[in-house]
């Protein structure tokens, strides 16, 4: 099966467990082999609010169809947030 670049851009990306990571924004092609080497995925719902750009190597891709791309679960981990202990005000 062939997928064109217009089918690939904006394709939804999910982990194997079904977590929605975002949509494909761009990709890199190895000109010697003609194959895609990396995918760039934009996260977030509304432009300008909480956006990240994930870079996914072709080795992390489980499957690609015209409906979605599925990647390994270890591709994206939720960032760890550290909070300072709040002091008591008297």
PDB file of N, CA and C in Angstrom:
ATOM      1  N   UNK A   1       0.843  -1.174   0.000  1.00  0.00           N
ATOM      2  CA  UNK A   1       0.000   0.000   0.000  1.00  0.00           C
ATOM      3  C   UNK A   1       0.892   1.242   0.000  1.00  0.00           C
ATOM      4  N   UNK A   2       0.492   2.232  -0.740  1.00  0.00           N
ATOM      5  CA  UNK A   2       1.199   3.501  -0.749  1.00  0.00           C
ATOM      6  C   UNK A   2       0.348   4.572  -0.084  1.00  0.00           C
ATOM      7  N   UNK A   3       1.022   5.455   0.626  1.00  0.00           N
ATOM      8  CA  UNK A   3       0.359   6.590   1.256  1.00  0.00           C
ATOM      9  C   UNK A   3       1.076   7.839   0.764  1.00  0.00           C
ATOM     10  N   UNK A   4       0.326   8.802   0.272  1.00  0.00           N
ATOM     11  CA  UNK A   4       0.933  10.032  -0.239  1.00  0.00           C
ATOM     12  C   UNK A   4       1.252  10.981   0.911  1.00  0.00           C
ATOM     13  N   UNK A   5       2.062  11.977   0.621  1.00  0.00           N
ATOM     14  CA  UNK A   5       2.424  12.950   1.650  1.00  0.00           C
ATOM     15  C   UNK A   5       1.193  13.714   2.138  1.00  0.00           C
ATOM     16  N   UNK A   6       0.219  13.928   1.263  1.00  0.00           N
ATOM     17  CA  UNK A   6      -0.995  14.632   1.693  1.00  0.00           C
ATOM     18  C   UNK A   6      -1.832  13.769   2.643  1.00  0.00           C
ATOM     19  N   UNK A   7      -1.725  12.435   2.533  1.00  0.00           N
ATOM     20  CA  UNK A   7      -2.400  11.542   3.479  1.00  0.00           C
ATOM     21  C   UNK A   7      -1.655  11.486   4.806  1.00  0.00           C
ATOM     22  N   UNK A   8      -0.336  11.647   4.766  1.00  0.00           N
ATOM     23  CA  UNK A   8       0.501  11.515   5.950  1.00  0.00           C
ATOM     24  C   UNK A   8       0.431  12.751   6.855  1.00  0.00           C
ATOM     25  N   UNK A   9       0.482  13.933   6.260  1.00  0.00           N
ATOM     26  CA  UNK A   9       0.413  15.167   7.052  1.00  0.00           C
ATOM     27  C   UNK A   9      -0.990  15.279   7.642  1.00  0.00           C
ATOM     28  N   UNK A  10      -1.053  15.542   8.929  1.00  0.00           N
ATOM     29  CA  UNK A  10      -2.285  15.624   9.729  1.00  0.00           C
ATOM     30  C   UNK A  10      -2.863  14.257  10.092  1.00  0.00           C
ATOM     31  N   UNK A  11      -2.138  13.188   9.829  1.00  0.00           N
ATOM     32  CA  UNK A  11      -2.585  11.852  10.213  1.00  0.00           C
ATOM     33  C   UNK A  11      -2.509  11.723  11.731  1.00  0.00           C
ATOM     34  N   UNK A  12      -3.576  11.248  12.405  1.00  0.00           N
ATOM     35  CA  UNK A  12      -3.526  11.092  13.861  1.00  0.00           C
ATOM     36  C   UNK A  12      -2.521  10.010  14.269  1.00  0.00           C
ATOM     37  N   UNK A  13      -1.870  10.250  15.407  1.00  0.00           N
ATOM     38  CA  UNK A  13      -0.868   9.321  15.931  1.00  0.00           C
ATOM     39  C   UNK A  13      -1.309   8.846  17.306  1.00  0.00           C
ATOM     40  N   UNK A  14      -1.305   7.523  17.486  1.00  0.00           N
ATOM     41  CA  UNK A  14      -1.708   6.896  18.742  1.00  0.00           C
ATOM     42  C   UNK A  14      -0.619   5.941  19.215  1.00  0.00           C
ATOM     43  N   UNK A  15      -0.575   5.721  20.536  1.00  0.00           N
ATOM     44  CA  UNK A  15       0.300   4.690  21.080  1.00  0.00           C
ATOM     45  C   UNK A  15      -0.419   3.354  20.964  1.00  0.00           C
ATOM     46  N   UNK A  16       0.292   2.266  21.235  1.00  0.00           N
ATOM     47  CA  UNK A  16      -0.316   0.934  21.199  1.00  0.00           C
ATOM     48  C   UNK A  16      -1.471   0.806  22.193  1.00  0.00           C
ATOM     49  N   UNK A  17      -1.400   1.560  23.288  1.00  0.00           N
ATOM     50  CA  UNK A  17      -2.465   1.532  24.297  1.00  0.00           C
ATOM     51  C   UNK A  17      -3.628   2.460  23.976  1.00  0.00           C
ATOM     52  N   UNK A  18      -3.563   3.150  22.838  1.00  0.00           N
ATOM     53  CA  UNK A  18      -4.668   3.996  22.412  1.00  0.00           C
ATOM     54  C   UNK A  18      -4.585   5.453  22.815  1.00  0.00           C
ATOM     55  N   UNK A  19      -3.465   5.882  23.384  1.00  0.00           N
ATOM     56  CA  UNK A  19      -3.330   7.288  23.769  1.00  0.00           C
ATOM     57  C   UNK A  19      -3.079   8.133  22.525  1.00  0.00           C
ATOM     58  N   UNK A  20      -3.852   9.194  22.365  1.00  0.00           N
ATOM     59  CA  UNK A  20      -3.699  10.098  21.235  1.00  0.00           C
ATOM     60  C   UNK A  20      -2.528  11.043  21.499  1.00  0.00           C
ATOM     61  N   UNK A  21      -1.506  10.992  20.642  1.00  0.00           N
ATOM     62  CA  UNK A  21      -0.346  11.855  20.809  1.00  0.00           C
ATOM     63  C   UNK A  21      -0.454  13.149  20.023  1.00  0.00           C
ATOM     64  N   UNK A  22      -1.245  13.167  18.985  1.00  0.00           N
ATOM     65  CA  UNK A  22      -1.371  14.351  18.149  1.00  0.00           C
ATOM     66  C   UNK A  22      -1.474  13.967  16.688  1.00  0.00           C
ATOM     67  N   UNK A  23      -0.952  14.854  15.821  1.00  0.00           N
ATOM     68  CA  UNK A  23      -1.011  14.620  14.384  1.00  0.00           C
ATOM     69  C   UNK A  23       0.357  14.849  13.756  1.00  0.00           C
ATOM     70  N   UNK A  24       0.627  14.101  12.694  1.00  0.00           N
ATOM     71  CA  UNK A  24       1.901  14.267  11.982  1.00  0.00           C
ATOM     72  C   UNK A  24       1.933  15.647  11.361  1.00  0.00           C
ATOM     73  N   UNK A  25       3.004  16.357  11.641  1.00  0.00           N
ATOM     74  CA  UNK A  25       3.188  17.726  11.156  1.00  0.00           C
ATOM     75  C   UNK A  25       4.180  17.759   9.992  1.00  0.00           C
ATOM     76  N   UNK A  26       5.195  16.893  10.058  1.00  0.00           N
ATOM     77  CA  UNK A  26       6.240  16.850   9.033  1.00  0.00           C
ATOM     78  C   UNK A  26       6.983  15.532   9.151  1.00  0.00           C
ATOM     79  N   UNK A  27       7.880  15.279   8.215  1.00  0.00           N
ATOM     80  CA  UNK A  27       8.682  14.061   8.251  1.00  0.00           C
ATOM     81  C   UNK A  27       9.973  14.288   7.487  1.00  0.00           C
ATOM     82  N   UNK A  28      10.995  13.486   7.822  1.00  0.00           N
ATOM     83  CA  UNK A  28      12.290  13.536   7.138  1.00  0.00           C
ATOM     84  C   UNK A  28      12.429  12.313   6.248  1.00  0.00           C
ATOM     85  N   UNK A  29      13.025  12.507   5.075  1.00  0.00           N
ATOM     86  CA  UNK A  29      13.238  11.413   4.133  1.00  0.00           C
ATOM     87  C   UNK A  29      14.729  11.258   3.869  1.00  0.00           C
ATOM     88  N   UNK A  30      15.199  10.022   3.905  1.00  0.00           N
ATOM     89  CA  UNK A  30      16.573   9.699   3.527  1.00  0.00           C
ATOM     90  C   UNK A  30      16.606   9.673   1.997  1.00  0.00           C
ATOM     91  N   UNK A  31      17.336  10.601   1.394  1.00  0.00           N
ATOM     92  CA  UNK A  31      17.329  10.698  -0.069  1.00  0.00           C
ATOM     93  C   UNK A  31      18.014   9.513  -0.738  1.00  0.00           C
ATOM     94  N   UNK A  32      18.922   8.843  -0.035  1.00  0.00           N
ATOM     95  CA  UNK A  32      19.603   7.683  -0.624  1.00  0.00           C
ATOM     96  C   UNK A  32      18.677   6.478  -0.738  1.00  0.00           C
ATOM     97  N   UNK A  33      17.888   6.231   0.311  1.00  0.00           N
ATOM     98  CA  UNK A  33      17.002   5.063   0.296  1.00  0.00           C
ATOM     99  C   UNK A  33      15.569   5.410  -0.105  1.00  0.00           C
ATOM    100  N   UNK A  34      15.210   6.682   0.016  1.00  0.00           N
ATOM    101  CA  UNK A  34      13.854   7.104  -0.297  1.00  0.00           C
ATOM    102  C   UNK A  34      12.846   6.789   0.800  1.00  0.00           C
ATOM    103  N   UNK A  35      13.331   6.392   1.973  1.00  0.00           N
ATOM    104  CA  UNK A  35      12.412   6.037   3.062  1.00  0.00           C
ATOM    105  C   UNK A  35      12.345   7.146   4.113  1.00  0.00           C
ATOM    106  N   UNK A  36      11.237   7.154   4.832  1.00  0.00           N
ATOM    107  CA  UNK A  36      11.052   8.128   5.912  1.00  0.00           C
ATOM    108  C   UNK A  36      11.882   7.685   7.111  1.00  0.00           C
ATOM    109  N   UNK A  37      12.635   8.623   7.692  1.00  0.00           N
ATOM    110  CA  UNK A  37      13.488   8.298   8.833  1.00  0.00           C
ATOM    111  C   UNK A  37      12.919   8.806  10.157  1.00  0.00           C
ATOM    112  N   UNK A  38      12.223   9.943  10.122  1.00  0.00           N
ATOM    113  CA  UNK A  38      11.660  10.532  11.340  1.00  0.00           C
ATOM    114  C   UNK A  38      10.320  11.176  11.024  1.00  0.00           C
ATOM    115  N   UNK A  39       9.446  11.117  12.022  1.00  0.00           N
ATOM    116  CA  UNK A  39       8.149  11.787  11.939  1.00  0.00           C
ATOM    117  C   UNK A  39       8.103  12.858  13.012  1.00  0.00           C
ATOM    118  N   UNK A  40       7.501  13.996  12.711  1.00  0.00           N
ATOM    119  CA  UNK A  40       7.327  15.076  13.681  1.00  0.00           C
ATOM    120  C   UNK A  40       5.831  15.197  13.967  1.00  0.00           C
ATOM    121  N   UNK A  41       5.478  15.094  15.247  1.00  0.00           N
ATOM    122  CA  UNK A  41       4.084  15.065  15.657  1.00  0.00           C
ATOM    123  C   UNK A  41       3.803  16.276  16.531  1.00  0.00           C
ATOM    124  N   UNK A  42       2.775  17.037  16.176  1.00  0.00           N
ATOM    125  CA  UNK A  42       2.343  18.174  16.978  1.00  0.00           C
ATOM    126  C   UNK A  42       1.288  17.713  17.954  1.00  0.00           C
ATOM    127  N   UNK A  43       1.474  18.076  19.210  1.00  0.00           N
ATOM    128  CA  UNK A  43       0.511  17.734  20.247  1.00  0.00           C
ATOM    129  C   UNK A  43      -0.359  18.940  20.550  1.00  0.00           C
ATOM    130  N   UNK A  44      -1.367  18.768  21.338  1.00  0.00           N
ATOM    131  CA  UNK A  44      -2.221  19.877  21.753  1.00  0.00           C
ATOM    132  C   UNK A  44      -3.461  19.985  20.899  1.00  0.00           C
ATOM    133  N   UNK A  45      -4.464  20.648  21.438  1.00  0.00           N
ATOM    134  CA  UNK A  45      -5.744  20.754  20.743  1.00  0.00           C
ATOM    135  C   UNK A  45      -5.916  22.067  19.993  1.00  0.00           C
ATOM    136  N   UNK A  46      -5.556  23.150  20.630  1.00  0.00           N
ATOM    137  CA  UNK A  46      -5.777  24.467  20.043  1.00  0.00           C
ATOM    138  C   UNK A  46      -4.430  25.111  19.781  1.00  0.00           C
ATOM    139  N   UNK A  47      -4.253  25.642  18.579  1.00  0.00           N
ATOM    140  CA  UNK A  47      -2.975  26.252  18.212  1.00  0.00           C
ATOM    141  C   UNK A  47      -2.606  27.339  19.219  1.00  0.00           C
ATOM    142  N   UNK A  48      -1.391  27.273  19.708  1.00  0.00           N
ATOM    143  CA  UNK A  48      -0.901  28.258  20.656  1.00  0.00           C
ATOM    144  C   UNK A  48      -1.084  27.867  22.117  1.00  0.00           C
ATOM    145  N   UNK A  49      -1.877  26.839  22.387  1.00  0.00           N
ATOM    146  CA  UNK A  49      -2.085  26.403  23.760  1.00  0.00           C
ATOM    147  C   UNK A  49      -1.466  25.032  23.959  1.00  0.00           C
ATOM    148  N   UNK A  50      -0.525  24.918  24.853  1.00  0.00           N
ATOM    149  CA  UNK A  50       0.116  23.664  25.240  1.00  0.00           C
ATOM    150  C   UNK A  50       0.510  22.812  24.036  1.00  0.00           C
ATOM    151  N   UNK A  51       1.395  23.335  23.249  1.00  0.00           N
ATOM    152  CA  UNK A  51       1.896  22.573  22.100  1.00  0.00           C
ATOM    153  C   UNK A  51       3.285  22.037  22.381  1.00  0.00           C
ATOM    154  N   UNK A  52       3.518  20.832  21.919  1.00  0.00           N
ATOM    155  CA  UNK A  52       4.841  20.233  21.904  1.00  0.00           C
ATOM    156  C   UNK A  52       5.034  19.655  20.527  1.00  0.00           C
ATOM    157  N   UNK A  53       6.261  19.440  20.160  1.00  0.00           N
ATOM    158  CA  UNK A  53       6.546  18.757  18.907  1.00  0.00           C
ATOM    159  C   UNK A  53       7.387  17.541  19.242  1.00  0.00           C
ATOM    160  N   UNK A  54       6.832  16.375  18.998  1.00  0.00           N
ATOM    161  CA  UNK A  54       7.522  15.124  19.272  1.00  0.00           C
ATOM    162  C   UNK A  54       8.251  14.668  18.018  1.00  0.00           C
ATOM    163  N   UNK A  55       9.429  14.103  18.196  1.00  0.00           N
ATOM    164  CA  UNK A  55      10.167  13.515  17.084  1.00  0.00           C
ATOM    165  C   UNK A  55      10.156  12.007  17.287  1.00  0.00           C
ATOM    166  N   UNK A  56       9.614  11.289  16.299  1.00  0.00           N
ATOM    167  CA  UNK A  56       9.472   9.846  16.408  1.00  0.00           C
ATOM    168  C   UNK A  56      10.301   9.179  15.319  1.00  0.00           C
ATOM    169  N   UNK A  57      11.229   8.321  15.730  1.00  0.00           N
ATOM    170  CA  UNK A  57      12.072   7.596  14.793  1.00  0.00           C
ATOM    171  C   UNK A  57      11.268   6.483  14.132  1.00  0.00           C
ATOM    172  N   UNK A  58      11.637   6.128  12.919  1.00  0.00           N
ATOM    173  CA  UNK A  58      10.898   5.078  12.193  1.00  0.00           C
ATOM    174  C   UNK A  58      10.912   3.743  12.936  1.00  0.00           C
ATOM    175  N   UNK A  59      11.925   3.518  13.779  1.00  0.00           N
ATOM    176  CA  UNK A  59      11.999   2.259  14.544  1.00  0.00           C
ATOM    177  C   UNK A  59      10.915   2.173  15.616  1.00  0.00           C
ATOM    178  N   UNK A  60      10.303   3.293  15.978  1.00  0.00           N
ATOM    179  CA  UNK A  60       9.253   3.331  16.998  1.00  0.00           C
ATOM    180  C   UNK A  60       7.860   3.146  16.413  1.00  0.00           C
ATOM    181  N   UNK A  61       7.750   3.110  15.088  1.00  0.00           N
ATOM    182  CA  UNK A  61       6.449   3.001  14.428  1.00  0.00           C
ATOM    183  C   UNK A  61       6.031   1.538  14.352  1.00  0.00           C
ATOM    184  N   UNK A  62       4.822   1.258  14.833  1.00  0.00           N
ATOM    185  CA  UNK A  62       4.272  -0.092  14.794  1.00  0.00           C
ATOM    186  C   UNK A  62       3.531  -0.313  13.479  1.00  0.00           C
ATOM    187  N   UNK A  63       2.670   0.650  13.091  1.00  0.00           N
ATOM    188  CA  UNK A  63       1.930   0.534  11.839  1.00  0.00           C
ATOM    189  C   UNK A  63       1.477   1.904  11.354  1.00  0.00           C
ATOM    190  N   UNK A  64       1.250   1.976  10.045  1.00  0.00           N
ATOM    191  CA  UNK A  64       0.738   3.195   9.427  1.00  0.00           C
ATOM    192  C   UNK A  64      -0.357   2.784   8.449  1.00  0.00           C
ATOM    193  N   UNK A  65      -1.502   3.454   8.548  1.00  0.00           N
ATOM    194  CA  UNK A  65      -2.585   3.253   7.590  1.00  0.00           C
ATOM    195  C   UNK A  65      -3.085   4.629   7.174  1.00  0.00           C
ATOM    196  N   UNK A  66      -4.068   4.679   6.310  1.00  0.00           N
ATOM    197  CA  UNK A  66      -4.631   5.972   5.911  1.00  0.00           C
ATOM    198  C   UNK A  66      -5.471   6.589   7.029  1.00  0.00           C
ATOM    199  N   UNK A  67      -5.804   5.803   8.057  1.00  0.00           N
ATOM    200  CA  UNK A  67      -6.616   6.307   9.169  1.00  0.00           C
ATOM    201  C   UNK A  67      -5.782   6.812  10.344  1.00  0.00           C
ATOM    202  N   UNK A  68      -4.627   6.134  10.621  1.00  0.00           N
ATOM    203  CA  UNK A  68      -3.822   6.527  11.782  1.00  0.00           C
ATOM    204  C   UNK A  68      -2.460   5.851  11.747  1.00  0.00           C
ATOM    205  N   UNK A  69      -1.557   6.397  12.562  1.00  0.00           N
ATOM    206  CA  UNK A  69      -0.250   5.784  12.775  1.00  0.00           C
ATOM    207  C   UNK A  69      -0.214   5.323  14.227  1.00  0.00           C
ATOM    208  N   UNK A  70       0.302   4.126  14.462  1.00  0.00           N
ATOM    209  CA  UNK A  70       0.433   3.594  15.815  1.00  0.00           C
ATOM    210  C   UNK A  70       1.919   3.459  16.124  1.00  0.00           C
ATOM    211  N   UNK A  71       2.314   3.962  17.303  1.00  0.00           N
ATOM    212  CA  UNK A  71       3.708   3.916  17.726  1.00  0.00           C
ATOM    213  C   UNK A  71       3.825   3.148  19.039  1.00  0.00           C
ATOM    214  N   UNK A  72       5.027   2.750  19.364  1.00  0.00           N
ATOM    215  CA  UNK A  72       5.274   2.025  20.614  1.00  0.00           C
ATOM    216  C   UNK A  72       4.899   2.895  21.807  1.00  0.00           C
ATOM    217  N   UNK A  73       4.493   2.257  22.883  1.00  0.00           N
ATOM    218  CA  UNK A  73       4.049   2.975  24.075  1.00  0.00           C
ATOM    219  C   UNK A  73       5.143   3.812  24.724  1.00  0.00           C
ATOM    220  N   UNK A  74       6.389   3.433  24.577  1.00  0.00           N
ATOM    221  CA  UNK A  74       7.472   4.155  25.250  1.00  0.00           C
ATOM    222  C   UNK A  74       7.908   5.408  24.512  1.00  0.00           C
ATOM    223  N   UNK A  75       7.239   5.764  23.423  1.00  0.00           N
ATOM    224  CA  UNK A  75       7.616   6.947  22.655  1.00  0.00           C
ATOM    225  C   UNK A  75       7.424   8.217  23.459  1.00  0.00           C
ATOM    226  N   UNK A  76       6.335   8.313  24.204  1.00  0.00           N
ATOM    227  CA  UNK A  76       6.032   9.545  24.924  1.00  0.00           C
ATOM    228  C   UNK A  76       5.734   9.233  26.372  1.00  0.00           C
ATOM    229  N   UNK A  77       6.413   9.926  27.233  1.00  0.00           N
ATOM    230  CA  UNK A  77       6.152   9.810  28.669  1.00  0.00           C
ATOM    231  C   UNK A  77       5.740  11.173  29.177  1.00  0.00           C
ATOM    232  N   UNK A  78       4.748  11.180  30.041  1.00  0.00           N
ATOM    233  CA  UNK A  78       4.267  12.424  30.628  1.00  0.00           C
ATOM    234  C   UNK A  78       5.400  13.083  31.406  1.00  0.00           C
ATOM    235  N   UNK A  79       5.654  14.384  31.174  1.00  0.00           N
ATOM    236  CA  UNK A  79       6.710  15.055  31.925  1.00  0.00           C
ATOM    237  C   UNK A  79       6.418  15.042  33.427  1.00  0.00           C
ATOM    238  N   UNK A  80       7.455  14.868  34.210  1.00  0.00           N
ATOM    239  CA  UNK A  80       7.308  14.873  35.662  1.00  0.00           C
ATOM    240  C   UNK A  80       7.299  16.320  36.121  1.00  0.00           C
ATOM    241  N   UNK A  81       6.291  16.656  36.894  1.00  0.00           N
ATOM    242  CA  UNK A  81       6.189  18.026  37.405  1.00  0.00           C
ATOM    243  C   UNK A  81       6.549  18.016  38.872  1.00  0.00           C
ATOM    244  N   UNK A  82       7.414  18.929  39.245  1.00  0.00           N
ATOM    245  CA  UNK A  82       7.810  19.034  40.636  1.00  0.00           C
ATOM    246  C   UNK A  82       7.193  20.299  41.235  1.00  0.00           C
ATOM    247  N   UNK A  83       6.619  20.140  42.379  1.00  0.00           N
ATOM    248  CA  UNK A  83       6.005  21.263  43.065  1.00  0.00           C
ATOM    249  C   UNK A  83       6.785  21.526  44.358  1.00  0.00           C
ATOM    250  N   UNK A  84       6.922  22.805  44.666  1.00  0.00           N
ATOM    251  CA  UNK A  84       7.550  23.185  45.929  1.00  0.00           C
ATOM    252  C   UNK A  84       6.512  23.058  47.053  1.00  0.00           C
ATOM    253  N   UNK A  85       6.991  22.670  48.190  1.00  0.00           N
ATOM    254  CA  UNK A  85       6.111  22.568  49.352  1.00  0.00           C
ATOM    255  C   UNK A  85       5.677  23.976  49.749  1.00  0.00           C
ATOM    256  N   UNK A  86       4.395  24.139  49.972  1.00  0.00           N
ATOM    257  CA  UNK A  86       3.867  25.447  50.374  1.00  0.00           C
ATOM    258  C   UNK A  86       4.002  25.608  51.886  1.00  0.00           C
ATOM    259  N   UNK A  87       4.461  26.760  52.304  1.00  0.00           N
ATOM    260  CA  UNK A  87       4.574  27.044  53.730  1.00  0.00           C
ATOM    261  C   UNK A  87       3.242  27.535  54.293  1.00  0.00           C
ATOM    262  N   UNK A  88       3.071  27.358  55.555  1.00  0.00           N
ATOM    263  CA  UNK A  88       1.840  27.821  56.223  1.00  0.00           C
ATOM    264  C   UNK A  88       1.971  29.303  56.528  1.00  0.00           C
ATOM    265  N   UNK A  89       0.888  29.999  56.274  1.00  0.00           N
ATOM    266  CA  UNK A  89       0.855  31.441  56.580  1.00  0.00           C
ATOM    267  C   UNK A  89       0.094  31.609  57.875  1.00  0.00           C
ATOM    268  N   UNK A  90       0.685  32.395  58.813  1.00  0.00           N
ATOM    269  CA  UNK A  90      -0.028  32.600  60.073  1.00  0.00           C
ATOM    270  C   UNK A  90      -0.562  33.996  60.174  1.00  0.00           C
TER     271      UNK A  90
END
